[in-house]
Amino acid sequence: MYLARHVVAADTNSAHELIQHALPASFIEITGQNELEGMRRRLLARPMPAGPVLGRRDYLAAGVVFLLVVLATFPVVVPFMLTDDIALAMRASRGVTLLMLFVVGWALGRYAGYLRPALTGVFMVLLGGALIAAVKALGG
């Protein structure tokens, strides 16, 4: 809608430039003035909403993101729910985090078609370990 509002408010030449900037380079090469004008006219013919519009799909997507974040962080919290020893819970939580990083890295490597997806998992663990070390060095 952002582009559409600007195209509607602009003069013809500016509208064509706005549309061209929004298109991929491969499309610009095959798009002439007639196509740009057709796009501009179709945008002018569309009704513009008064303000930002969030629909059911947007709220559903936000809910899914919330659930993914909760599900991804919950295993890291479990050690704190199982013991009163904070130092032990911290070590266990870091271990769970590194294990999760390995599993996700392995799955990513497998999805990407790497011959050795475990290597991707190892690199994820090394990155996570470096981040843990940085957090500890900063007092966390």
Protein backbone atom coordinates (compact mmCIF):
# COMPACT_ATOMS: atom_id res chain seq x y z
CA MET A 1 0.00 0.00 0.00
CA TYR A 2 2.96 2.31 0.61
CA LEU A 3 3.93 2.25 -3.07
CA ALA A 4 0.33 2.58 -4.22
CA ARG A 5 -0.21 5.71 -2.11
CA HIS A 6 2.91 7.34 -3.50
CA VAL A 7 2.04 6.40 -7.09
CA VAL A 8 -1.47 7.85 -6.69
CA ALA A 9 -0.07 11.11 -5.30
CA ALA A 10 2.66 11.49 -7.96
CA ASP A 11 2.53 12.86 -11.48
CA THR A 12 2.74 10.39 -14.38
CA ASN A 13 6.53 10.45 -14.88
CA SER A 14 7.27 10.22 -11.16
CA ALA A 15 4.77 7.39 -10.83
CA HIS A 16 6.51 5.48 -13.62
CA GLU A 17 9.87 5.95 -11.85
CA LEU A 18 8.41 4.75 -8.55
CA ILE A 19 7.01 1.65 -10.21
CA GLN A 20 10.32 0.96 -11.98
CA HIS A 21 12.25 1.20 -8.70
CA ALA A 22 9.88 -1.33 -7.15
CA LEU A 23 10.37 -3.88 -9.94
CA PRO A 24 13.27 -6.35 -10.20
CA ALA A 25 15.93 -5.42 -12.78
CA SER A 26 14.96 -8.35 -15.03
CA PHE A 27 11.40 -6.96 -15.24
CA ILE A 28 12.54 -3.40 -15.96
CA GLU A 29 14.42 -4.62 -19.04
CA ILE A 30 11.21 -6.01 -20.58
CA THR A 31 8.80 -3.35 -19.31
CA GLY A 32 7.95 -0.45 -21.58
CA GLN A 33 6.06 2.78 -21.03
CA ASN A 34 2.75 1.14 -21.95
CA GLU A 35 3.12 -1.48 -19.22
CA LEU A 36 4.18 1.13 -16.66
CA GLU A 37 1.20 3.31 -17.54
CA GLY A 38 -1.10 0.29 -17.29
CA MET A 39 0.24 -0.46 -13.81
CA ARG A 40 -0.20 3.18 -12.80
CA ARG A 41 -3.80 3.24 -14.04
CA ARG A 42 -4.66 0.00 -12.23
CA LEU A 43 -3.22 1.45 -9.02
CA LEU A 44 -5.28 4.62 -9.53
CA ALA A 45 -8.42 2.52 -10.00
CA ARG A 46 -7.94 0.61 -6.73
CA PRO A 47 -9.63 1.95 -3.62
CA MET A 48 -7.10 3.07 -1.03
CA PRO A 49 -7.76 2.21 2.63
CA ALA A 50 -7.76 5.15 5.03
CA GLY A 51 -5.10 3.71 7.32
CA PRO A 52 -3.05 0.62 7.97
CA VAL A 53 -5.17 -2.49 7.78
CA LEU A 54 -4.36 -5.63 9.73
CA GLY A 55 -6.37 -8.65 8.82
CA ARG A 56 -7.01 -12.06 10.30
CA ARG A 57 -4.01 -13.46 8.47
CA ASP A 58 -1.70 -10.85 10.04
CA TYR A 59 -2.89 -11.67 13.56
CA LEU A 60 -2.56 -15.38 12.87
CA ALA A 61 1.01 -14.89 11.63
CA ALA A 62 1.84 -12.88 14.77
CA GLY A 63 0.43 -15.69 16.91
CA VAL A 64 2.53 -18.27 15.09
CA VAL A 65 5.68 -16.18 15.58
CA PHE A 66 4.85 -15.86 19.30
CA LEU A 67 4.42 -19.64 19.61
CA LEU A 68 7.68 -20.29 17.76
CA VAL A 69 9.57 -17.97 20.11
CA VAL A 70 8.01 -19.59 23.20
CA LEU A 71 8.68 -23.10 21.92
CA ALA A 72 12.27 -22.23 20.99
CA THR A 73 13.09 -20.71 24.38
CA PHE A 74 11.14 -23.04 26.66
CA PRO A 75 13.73 -25.87 26.65
CA VAL A 76 16.38 -23.39 27.80
CA VAL A 77 14.21 -22.47 30.82
CA VAL A 78 13.42 -26.05 31.87
CA PRO A 79 16.65 -26.55 33.91
CA PHE A 80 15.68 -23.61 36.12
CA MET A 81 12.34 -25.26 36.80
CA LEU A 82 13.97 -28.56 37.77
CA THR A 83 16.60 -27.41 40.27
CA ASP A 84 17.18 -24.74 42.89
CA ASP A 85 20.93 -24.69 42.22
CA ILE A 86 21.34 -21.67 39.94
CA ALA A 87 24.89 -22.52 38.85
CA LEU A 88 23.84 -26.03 37.85
CA ALA A 89 20.76 -24.70 36.07
CA MET A 90 22.91 -22.19 34.14
CA ARG A 91 25.32 -24.91 32.98
CA ALA A 92 22.44 -27.21 32.03
CA SER A 93 20.70 -24.37 30.21
CA ARG A 94 23.84 -23.61 28.20
CA GLY A 95 24.16 -27.30 27.38
CA VAL A 96 20.56 -27.47 26.20
CA THR A 97 21.15 -24.35 24.11
CA LEU A 98 24.23 -25.83 22.45
CA LEU A 99 22.42 -29.11 21.82
CA MET A 100 19.52 -27.25 20.22
CA LEU A 101 21.97 -25.26 18.06
CA PHE A 102 23.59 -28.48 16.88
CA VAL A 103 20.24 -30.07 16.01
CA VAL A 104 19.04 -26.97 14.17
CA GLY A 105 22.39 -26.60 12.38
CA TRP A 106 22.31 -30.26 11.35
CA ALA A 107 18.74 -29.88 10.07
CA LEU A 108 19.73 -26.72 8.17
CA GLY A 109 22.73 -28.48 6.61
CA ARG A 110 20.56 -31.44 5.65
CA TYR A 111 17.89 -29.15 4.17
CA ALA A 112 20.56 -27.26 2.20
CA GLY A 113 21.82 -30.55 0.77
CA TYR A 114 25.29 -30.49 2.31
CA LEU A 115 27.19 -33.76 2.22
CA ARG A 116 28.09 -33.42 5.91
CA PRO A 117 25.21 -31.66 7.65
CA ALA A 118 26.77 -32.38 11.06
CA LEU A 119 29.51 -29.91 10.14
CA THR A 120 26.89 -27.16 9.93
CA GLY A 121 25.71 -28.23 13.39
CA VAL A 122 29.25 -28.01 14.72
CA PHE A 123 29.66 -24.50 13.30
CA MET A 124 26.38 -23.47 14.92
CA VAL A 125 27.64 -24.83 18.26
CA LEU A 126 30.92 -22.94 17.85
CA LEU A 127 29.02 -19.73 17.12
CA GLY A 128 26.75 -20.32 20.12
CA GLY A 129 29.77 -21.05 22.32
CA ALA A 130 31.41 -17.81 21.21
CA LEU A 131 28.23 -15.90 22.05
CA ILE A 132 28.00 -17.58 25.46
CA ALA A 133 31.65 -16.68 26.12
CA ALA A 134 30.99 -13.07 25.14
CA VAL A 135 27.96 -12.88 27.43
CA LYS A 136 29.95 -14.36 30.32
CA ALA A 137 32.82 -11.93 29.67
CA LEU A 138 30.36 -9.05 29.88
CA GLY A 139 29.09 -10.28 33.24
CA GLY A 140 26.05 -12.30 32.17
